[in-house]
Amino acid sequence: MKKVVETKKAPGAIGPYSQGIDIGNLIFFSGQIPLNPETGEMPEGIEAQTKQALENVKGLLESQGLDFSHVVKTTVFLDNMDDFNTVNSIYAQYFVEPYPARSAVEVGRLPKGALIEVEIIACK
């Protein structure tokens, strides 16, 4: 049975999708771009955008009574792979060992001109 995840702790969907889908033991969360959920504004620069995207992920997790230790898989979409080391250093401040599995890919373009998007799967 699928349950839709909805919270104001992260930006609302900007299309025909859910913030997340809970299927029992796993929750699949939609990718988070660095929009501030309160203002709808996006900070400038990869450091600020990475922090905001991960704060949005944190809000999704907290809305379900979870934290970063529950994350089993992440996918990081980058506008520029040259930002990889910068993103890694910020990412390491949020996740703890054992780190989740992860993919990181450079893409042609992200929604609203974002420099980063972070998608996660969490296990309850």
Protein backbone atom coordinates (compact mmCIF):
# COMPACT_ATOMS: atom_id res chain seq x y z
CA MET A 1 0.00 0.00 0.00
CA LYS A 2 1.36 3.41 -0.99
CA LYS A 3 1.11 6.45 1.26
CA VAL A 4 1.90 9.94 -0.01
CA VAL A 5 4.44 11.99 1.95
CA GLU A 6 3.48 15.65 2.31
CA THR A 7 5.20 18.26 4.45
CA LYS A 8 5.78 21.98 4.60
CA LYS A 9 9.34 21.28 5.86
CA ALA A 10 10.44 20.97 2.23
CA PRO A 11 9.36 22.69 -0.99
CA GLY A 12 6.10 21.44 -2.46
CA ALA A 13 6.05 19.56 -5.73
CA ILE A 14 6.38 21.79 -8.80
CA GLY A 15 4.76 19.25 -11.09
CA PRO A 16 2.60 16.12 -11.12
CA TYR A 17 4.55 14.17 -8.49
CA SER A 18 4.65 13.62 -4.73
CA GLN A 19 7.30 14.75 -2.26
CA GLY A 20 7.64 11.09 -1.42
CA ILE A 21 5.96 7.70 -1.43
CA ASP A 22 5.98 5.43 1.62
CA ILE A 23 5.63 1.75 0.70
CA GLY A 24 6.01 0.30 4.18
CA ASN A 25 9.65 -0.34 5.00
CA LEU A 26 11.02 2.10 2.42
CA ILE A 27 10.26 5.70 1.57
CA PHE A 28 11.19 7.01 -1.88
CA PHE A 29 11.65 10.78 -1.76
CA SER A 30 11.59 13.05 -4.79
CA GLY A 31 14.72 15.00 -5.59
CA GLN A 32 15.23 18.20 -3.64
CA ILE A 33 16.47 21.33 -5.32
CA PRO A 34 17.63 24.20 -3.10
CA LEU A 35 14.39 26.13 -2.81
CA ASN A 36 13.73 27.58 0.62
CA PRO A 37 10.36 26.04 1.61
CA GLU A 38 9.27 29.21 3.43
CA THR A 39 10.20 31.81 0.82
CA GLY A 40 10.46 29.87 -2.44
CA GLU A 41 13.81 31.57 -3.02
CA MET A 42 16.97 29.81 -4.15
CA PRO A 43 20.34 30.83 -2.71
CA GLU A 44 23.29 31.55 -4.99
CA GLY A 45 26.43 29.44 -5.24
CA ILE A 46 27.06 25.73 -4.89
CA GLU A 47 27.84 25.84 -1.16
CA ALA A 48 24.61 27.57 -0.18
CA GLN A 49 22.58 25.51 -2.65
CA THR A 50 24.02 22.23 -1.37
CA LYS A 51 23.21 23.18 2.22
CA GLN A 52 19.65 24.20 1.30
CA ALA A 53 19.02 21.03 -0.72
CA LEU A 54 20.23 18.91 2.21
CA GLU A 55 18.15 20.95 4.67
CA ASN A 56 15.15 20.15 2.46
CA VAL A 57 16.09 16.45 2.61
CA LYS A 58 16.35 16.80 6.39
CA GLY A 59 12.85 18.31 6.50
CA LEU A 60 11.43 15.40 4.51
CA LEU A 61 13.11 12.88 6.78
CA GLU A 62 11.99 14.65 9.96
CA SER A 63 8.42 14.79 8.69
CA GLN A 64 8.45 10.99 8.78
CA GLY A 65 10.24 10.69 12.13
CA LEU A 66 13.53 9.81 10.44
CA ASP A 67 17.03 11.27 10.15
CA PHE A 68 20.02 10.92 7.85
CA SER A 69 21.01 7.59 9.44
CA HIS A 70 17.91 6.06 7.81
CA VAL A 71 19.04 6.95 4.27
CA VAL A 72 20.17 3.90 2.28
CA LYS A 73 20.64 5.46 -1.19
CA THR A 74 21.24 8.94 -2.55
CA THR A 75 21.51 10.31 -6.03
CA VAL A 76 23.20 13.68 -6.44
CA PHE A 77 22.57 15.55 -9.67
CA LEU A 78 25.09 18.30 -10.40
CA ASP A 79 25.02 21.07 -12.94
CA ASN A 80 28.84 20.95 -12.98
CA MET A 81 30.98 17.98 -11.89
CA ASP A 82 33.72 20.46 -10.99
CA ASP A 83 31.61 21.13 -7.86
CA PHE A 84 31.95 17.50 -6.73
CA ASN A 85 34.60 18.11 -4.02
CA THR A 86 32.75 21.10 -2.60
CA VAL A 87 29.49 19.13 -2.49
CA ASN A 88 31.27 16.16 -0.90
CA SER A 89 32.61 18.25 1.97
CA ILE A 90 29.14 19.62 2.77
CA TYR A 91 27.45 16.24 2.21
CA ALA A 92 29.81 14.67 4.79
CA GLN A 93 28.49 17.10 7.44
CA TYR A 94 24.97 15.61 7.09
CA PHE A 95 25.53 11.89 6.59
CA VAL A 96 27.19 9.53 9.07
CA GLU A 97 28.89 6.18 8.68
CA PRO A 98 27.91 3.77 7.42
CA TYR A 99 27.29 6.13 4.50
CA PRO A 100 24.42 5.34 2.14
CA ALA A 101 25.07 4.06 -1.36
CA ARG A 102 25.35 6.99 -3.74
CA SER A 103 25.47 8.00 -7.37
CA ALA A 104 26.60 11.42 -8.51
CA VAL A 105 26.02 12.57 -12.07
CA GLU A 106 26.43 15.75 -14.06
CA VAL A 107 23.29 16.75 -15.92
CA GLY A 108 22.57 19.26 -18.68
CA ARG A 109 20.10 21.29 -16.67
CA LEU A 110 18.15 21.16 -13.40
CA PRO A 111 14.73 22.61 -12.55
CA LYS A 112 14.63 26.36 -11.94
CA GLY A 113 18.32 26.67 -12.82
CA ALA A 114 19.48 24.86 -9.67
CA LEU A 115 23.11 23.78 -9.40
CA ILE A 116 22.28 20.63 -7.41
CA GLU A 117 19.43 18.21 -6.72
CA VAL A 118 19.51 15.45 -4.10
CA GLU A 119 17.23 12.40 -4.19
CA ILE A 120 17.07 9.80 -1.41
CA ILE A 121 15.61 6.46 -0.42
CA ALA A 122 15.19 5.84 3.30
CA CYS A 123 14.51 2.71 5.30
CA LYS A 124 12.38 2.89 8.43
